[in-house]
Amino acid sequence: MAPHLKGLLLSATGMVVISPDGMLVKLVQQADSLQIVFWRTLLTAVTLSLVLVVLRGRGVVAHVRGMGRLGVAAALMVGLSNISFVVAMTLTTVANTLVVLATMPLFGAVSGLLLIGERVRPRTWGAIALAMAGVVILLAGSVGLGGGSLAGDLVALGIPLFMGLALVLLRKAGDRDTVPVVALGGLASALLVLPFCDPWAVGAEDMMVIVLMGVLVTPLALSLYTSGARYLPAAEVALLALIETVLGPVWAWAVVGEVPTPLTLAGGALVVGAIAGNSMLALARRPGGG
């Protein structure tokens, strides 16, 4: 199989696997958001750590130490993003959260400019303006139509902000394996919320859903997506990430009856169009890209 096709299949499958994640959060009935964060991220950290031990054997300690300070800082950003994701999902709709999450490449571009002086192309500034207009429309829908909590939408902005910072830190650090960073980020999330929740009060039914997220969905999706991303240009990786933006609300509608508001759909269309357009222009201007 050609490396490019392999990358497409792996990363696309990863996004399909992660797409019901928001719906699964909605299926948790009694546990509060911080209890979900604790178990979901701790289980993800443990699962990924076991994967690292299997793959690296005795070299796992040296491999983890290879993250360096920038890797640890990136892990903290991942941890804060994890918390933002679950809290946002419990306060607002899946569609609103995923539309805001889709702006991550644009937050990453601005963070790269501010932190390490990366140049932002004019087309990316245009995409940022269009996507932010979409987010404003989405926020207006939460205020005017009651289709989602404004507080949840604002918390959701932390997801692309912190993940964008994490990606910039990883780029500055050079070629680093993302699995130890995400595992440490999961541990950071669990430790940050532990003083504010009672993890042992989670019921059996809720725990089954959380285990599904933490042991299977998140680790499997991450492994597939990052494995495929090694064979693909960044623009294609950003395009494939939109699979979750499209499928996530479909899962929420089909399983829990959560219907996006018209303003969410309008804002989402602007955000998806901005990301997709920017990525396709980047691909078209690559050597041999047409």
Protein backbone atom coordinates (compact mmCIF):
# COMPACT_ATOMS: atom_id res chain seq x y z
CA MET A 1 0.00 0.00 0.00
CA ALA A 2 1.30 3.46 -0.91
CA PRO A 3 2.36 5.50 2.16
CA HIS A 4 -0.01 8.35 1.31
CA LEU A 5 -3.02 6.04 0.99
CA LYS A 6 -2.00 4.28 4.20
CA GLY A 7 -1.87 7.63 5.98
CA LEU A 8 -5.29 8.63 4.68
CA LEU A 9 -6.89 5.36 5.78
CA LEU A 10 -5.30 5.38 9.23
CA SER A 11 -6.07 9.02 10.05
CA ALA A 12 -9.59 8.93 8.60
CA THR A 13 -10.37 5.78 10.59
CA GLY A 14 -9.07 7.47 13.72
CA MET A 15 -11.46 10.37 13.21
CA VAL A 16 -14.39 8.00 12.63
CA VAL A 17 -13.52 6.15 15.85
CA ILE A 18 -13.37 9.38 17.90
CA SER A 19 -16.53 10.87 16.36
CA PRO A 20 -19.00 9.38 18.93
CA ASP A 21 -16.92 10.68 21.86
CA GLY A 22 -19.18 13.67 22.52
CA MET A 23 -22.28 11.50 22.32
CA LEU A 24 -20.74 9.11 24.85
CA VAL A 25 -20.20 12.01 27.27
CA LYS A 26 -23.90 12.83 26.89
CA LEU A 27 -24.81 9.22 27.75
CA VAL A 28 -23.30 9.59 31.23
CA GLN A 29 -26.33 10.17 33.45
CA GLN A 30 -25.22 10.84 37.03
CA ALA A 31 -21.49 11.57 37.12
CA ASP A 32 -20.55 15.24 36.91
CA SER A 33 -18.13 16.69 34.39
CA LEU A 34 -15.06 16.54 36.64
CA GLN A 35 -15.72 12.92 37.59
CA ILE A 36 -15.89 12.12 33.88
CA VAL A 37 -12.65 14.02 33.27
CA PHE A 38 -10.87 12.14 36.06
CA TRP A 39 -11.69 8.63 34.94
CA ARG A 40 -11.69 9.25 31.19
CA THR A 41 -8.26 10.86 31.16
CA LEU A 42 -6.71 8.60 33.81
CA LEU A 43 -7.82 5.49 31.93
CA THR A 44 -6.48 6.94 28.68
CA ALA A 45 -3.15 7.67 30.38
CA VAL A 46 -2.90 4.14 31.79
CA THR A 47 -3.87 2.53 28.47
CA LEU A 48 -1.37 4.57 26.46
CA SER A 49 1.34 3.92 29.06
CA LEU A 50 0.78 0.17 28.71
CA VAL A 51 1.02 0.54 24.93
CA LEU A 52 4.33 2.35 25.35
CA VAL A 53 5.67 -0.38 27.63
CA VAL A 54 4.72 -3.05 25.10
CA LEU A 55 6.25 -1.14 22.18
CA ARG A 56 9.37 0.20 23.89
CA GLY A 57 10.10 -2.39 26.55
CA ARG A 58 12.99 -1.42 28.78
CA GLY A 59 13.57 1.71 26.75
CA VAL A 60 10.25 3.25 27.76
CA VAL A 61 11.72 5.37 30.58
CA ALA A 62 14.33 6.92 28.32
CA HIS A 63 11.68 7.42 25.65
CA VAL A 64 9.43 9.32 28.05
CA ARG A 65 12.34 11.40 29.35
CA GLY A 66 13.01 12.36 25.76
CA MET A 67 9.94 14.61 25.86
CA GLY A 68 12.00 17.30 27.55
CA ARG A 69 10.61 20.41 29.18
CA LEU A 70 8.73 21.48 26.06
CA GLY A 71 7.07 18.08 25.91
CA VAL A 72 5.99 18.38 29.54
CA ALA A 73 4.61 21.87 28.87
CA ALA A 74 2.73 20.50 25.85
CA ALA A 75 1.34 17.71 28.04
CA LEU A 76 -0.01 20.28 30.49
CA MET A 77 -1.75 22.06 27.60
CA VAL A 78 -3.23 18.73 26.50
CA GLY A 79 -4.46 18.20 30.05
CA LEU A 80 -6.21 21.58 30.13
CA SER A 81 -7.74 20.85 26.73
CA ASN A 82 -9.08 17.52 28.03
CA ILE A 83 -10.82 19.31 30.89
CA SER A 84 -12.26 21.96 28.57
CA PHE A 85 -13.63 19.29 26.22
CA VAL A 86 -15.61 17.35 28.80
CA VAL A 87 -16.86 20.41 30.70
CA ALA A 88 -17.99 22.02 27.43
CA MET A 89 -19.77 18.83 26.35
CA THR A 90 -21.74 18.76 29.61
CA LEU A 91 -22.75 22.43 29.35
CA THR A 92 -23.49 22.91 25.65
CA THR A 93 -24.28 20.78 22.61
CA VAL A 94 -21.99 18.33 20.87
CA ALA A 95 -22.32 20.32 17.65
CA ASN A 96 -21.32 23.61 19.28
CA THR A 97 -18.33 22.03 21.01
CA LEU A 98 -17.04 20.33 17.86
CA VAL A 99 -17.48 23.42 15.69
CA VAL A 100 -15.36 25.42 18.14
CA LEU A 101 -12.85 22.54 18.34
CA ALA A 102 -12.50 22.62 14.54
CA THR A 103 -10.80 26.02 14.77
CA MET A 104 -7.73 24.40 16.37
CA PRO A 105 -5.46 24.74 13.28
CA LEU A 106 -6.18 28.47 13.22
CA PHE A 107 -5.46 28.90 16.93
CA GLY A 108 -2.27 26.94 16.28
CA ALA A 109 -1.28 29.31 13.48
CA VAL A 110 -1.70 32.38 15.70
CA SER A 111 0.11 30.68 18.60
CA GLY A 112 2.97 29.79 16.26
CA LEU A 113 3.25 33.42 15.18
CA LEU A 114 3.26 34.76 18.74
CA LEU A 115 5.48 32.13 20.37
CA ILE A 116 8.02 31.05 17.76
CA GLY A 117 7.63 33.59 14.97
CA GLU A 118 6.06 31.27 12.40
CA ARG A 119 4.75 33.14 9.37
CA VAL A 120 0.98 33.15 8.87
CA ARG A 121 0.00 33.28 5.20
CA PRO A 122 -2.64 35.78 4.02
CA ARG A 123 -5.04 32.95 3.12
CA THR A 124 -4.79 31.67 6.71
CA TRP A 125 -5.65 35.12 8.07
CA GLY A 126 -8.70 35.05 5.80
CA ALA A 127 -9.64 31.61 7.13
CA ILE A 128 -9.20 32.85 10.71
CA ALA A 129 -11.54 35.81 10.06
CA LEU A 130 -14.16 33.57 8.43
CA ALA A 131 -13.96 30.93 11.16
CA MET A 132 -14.22 33.52 13.93
CA ALA A 133 -17.32 34.93 12.22
CA GLY A 134 -18.74 31.41 12.33
CA VAL A 135 -17.96 31.12 16.04
CA VAL A 136 -19.64 34.49 16.71
CA ILE A 137 -22.77 33.26 14.91
CA LEU A 138 -22.69 30.10 17.01
CA LEU A 139 -22.37 32.12 20.23
CA ALA A 140 -25.25 34.35 19.13
CA GLY A 141 -27.35 31.24 18.69
CA SER A 142 -26.62 30.17 22.25
CA VAL A 143 -27.72 33.56 23.56
CA GLY A 144 -30.74 34.12 21.37
CA LEU A 145 -32.21 30.68 20.80
CA GLY A 146 -31.19 28.79 23.90
CA GLY A 147 -29.87 25.92 21.78
CA GLY A 148 -26.67 25.69 23.81
CA SER A 149 -25.16 27.18 26.91
CA LEU A 150 -23.08 30.29 26.27
CA ALA A 151 -20.87 29.30 29.19
CA GLY A 152 -20.26 25.92 27.56
CA ASP A 153 -19.40 27.54 24.23
CA LEU A 154 -16.89 29.82 25.95
CA VAL A 155 -15.33 26.89 27.81
CA ALA A 156 -15.10 25.08 24.46
CA LEU A 157 -12.79 27.85 23.20
CA GLY A 158 -10.22 26.47 25.62
CA ILE A 159 -9.97 23.25 23.58
CA PRO A 160 -8.46 24.73 20.40
CA LEU A 161 -6.54 27.33 22.40
CA PHE A 162 -4.73 24.80 24.60
CA MET A 163 -4.30 22.22 21.83
CA GLY A 164 -2.96 24.89 19.49
CA LEU A 165 -0.39 25.83 22.13
CA ALA A 166 0.50 22.16 22.61
CA LEU A 167 1.12 21.68 18.89
CA VAL A 168 3.34 24.76 18.73
CA LEU A 169 5.37 23.56 21.71
CA LEU A 170 5.81 20.17 20.05
CA ARG A 171 6.93 21.79 16.79
CA LYS A 172 9.46 23.86 18.70
CA ALA A 173 10.69 20.72 20.48
CA GLY A 174 11.32 18.99 17.16
CA ASP A 175 10.39 15.43 16.22
CA ARG A 176 8.72 14.01 19.33
CA ASP A 177 6.46 11.00 19.80
CA THR A 178 3.04 12.37 20.76
CA VAL A 179 1.91 9.28 22.70
CA PRO A 180 3.92 10.03 25.88
CA VAL A 181 2.74 13.65 25.71
CA VAL A 182 -0.92 12.63 25.50
CA ALA A 183 -0.47 10.03 28.25
CA LEU A 184 1.13 12.59 30.56
CA GLY A 185 -1.59 15.06 29.58
CA GLY A 186 -4.22 12.56 30.70
CA LEU A 187 -2.48 12.14 34.04
CA ALA A 188 -2.26 15.93 34.39
CA SER A 189 -6.01 16.27 33.77
CA ALA A 190 -6.83 13.67 36.40
CA LEU A 191 -4.57 15.27 39.00
CA LEU A 192 -5.89 18.77 38.29
CA VAL A 193 -9.55 17.82 38.85
CA LEU A 194 -9.05 15.33 41.70
CA PRO A 195 -9.27 17.95 44.51
CA PHE A 196 -12.64 19.10 43.13
CA CYS A 197 -14.47 15.80 42.64
CA ASP A 198 -15.23 12.45 44.25
CA PRO A 199 -14.21 9.87 41.65
CA TRP A 200 -15.39 6.94 43.78
CA ALA A 201 -19.01 8.14 43.67
CA VAL A 202 -19.46 7.23 39.99
CA GLY A 203 -22.12 4.56 39.41
CA ALA A 204 -21.55 1.32 37.53
CA GLU A 205 -23.55 2.27 34.42
CA ASP A 206 -21.76 5.59 34.05
CA MET A 207 -18.41 3.90 34.63
CA MET A 208 -19.07 1.48 31.77
CA VAL A 209 -19.48 4.40 29.37
CA ILE A 210 -16.41 6.19 30.73
CA VAL A 211 -14.31 3.01 30.47
CA LEU A 212 -15.38 2.69 26.83
CA MET A 213 -14.11 6.23 26.20
CA GLY A 214 -10.91 5.99 28.22
CA VAL A 215 -9.75 2.47 27.39
CA LEU A 216 -10.92 2.03 23.80
CA VAL A 217 -12.21 5.08 21.92
CA THR A 218 -9.64 7.74 22.79
CA PRO A 219 -6.47 5.58 22.77
CA LEU A 220 -7.44 3.75 19.57
CA ALA A 221 -8.44 6.94 17.76
CA LEU A 222 -5.27 8.72 18.83
CA SER A 223 -3.04 5.83 17.76
CA LEU A 224 -4.67 5.59 14.33
CA TYR A 225 -4.78 9.34 13.69
CA THR A 226 -1.21 10.11 14.72
CA SER A 227 0.14 7.04 12.90
CA GLY A 228 -1.50 8.20 9.69
CA ALA A 229 -0.46 11.82 10.16
CA ARG A 230 3.19 10.81 9.75
CA TYR A 231 2.54 10.13 6.06
CA LEU A 232 0.45 13.22 5.32
CA PRO A 233 1.00 16.98 4.92
CA ALA A 234 -0.44 19.15 7.69
CA ALA A 235 -3.17 20.49 5.40
CA GLU A 236 -4.55 17.01 4.78
CA VAL A 237 -4.40 16.19 8.48
CA ALA A 238 -6.49 19.31 9.18
CA LEU A 239 -9.01 18.28 6.52
CA LEU A 240 -9.39 14.77 7.95
CA ALA A 241 -10.00 16.21 11.42
CA LEU A 242 -13.23 17.69 10.05
CA ILE A 243 -14.66 14.16 9.90
CA GLU A 244 -15.29 14.41 13.64
CA THR A 245 -16.91 17.84 13.22
CA VAL A 246 -19.39 16.39 10.73
CA LEU A 247 -20.06 12.95 12.25
CA GLY A 248 -20.08 13.95 15.94
CA PRO A 249 -23.37 15.92 15.77
CA VAL A 250 -24.91 13.10 13.70
CA TRP A 251 -24.16 10.62 16.49
CA ALA A 252 -25.62 13.04 19.07
CA TRP A 253 -28.78 13.52 16.98
CA ALA A 254 -29.25 9.80 16.29
CA VAL A 255 -28.60 8.51 19.82
CA VAL A 256 -29.56 11.27 22.27
CA GLY A 257 -31.86 13.37 20.07
CA GLU A 258 -29.70 16.51 20.19
CA VAL A 259 -30.59 18.64 17.17
CA PRO A 260 -28.27 21.54 16.20
CA THR A 261 -29.90 24.96 15.96
CA PRO A 262 -30.01 26.82 12.61
CA LEU A 263 -27.38 29.29 13.84
CA THR A 264 -25.12 26.42 14.92
CA LEU A 265 -25.43 24.95 11.42
CA ALA A 266 -24.72 28.33 9.83
CA GLY A 267 -21.73 29.04 12.05
CA GLY A 268 -20.49 25.49 11.62
CA ALA A 269 -20.67 25.79 7.84
CA LEU A 270 -18.48 28.91 7.98
CA VAL A 271 -15.92 27.24 10.24
CA VAL A 272 -15.76 24.01 8.24
CA GLY A 273 -15.61 25.99 4.99
CA ALA A 274 -12.77 28.15 6.31
CA ILE A 275 -10.68 25.18 7.48
CA ALA A 276 -11.40 23.09 4.39
CA GLY A 277 -10.72 25.98 2.00
CA ASN A 278 -7.45 26.91 3.67
CA SER A 279 -6.29 23.29 3.64
CA MET A 280 -7.22 22.70 0.00
CA LEU A 281 -5.42 25.88 -1.08
CA ALA A 282 -2.35 24.71 0.81
CA LEU A 283 -2.50 21.33 -0.91
CA ALA A 284 -3.00 22.90 -4.34
CA ARG A 285 0.14 25.01 -3.91
CA ARG A 286 2.36 22.11 -2.90
CA PRO A 287 4.88 20.95 -5.52
CA GLY A 288 2.98 18.50 -7.69
CA GLY A 289 -0.28 19.49 -6.03
CA GLY A 290 -1.76 21.03 -9.17
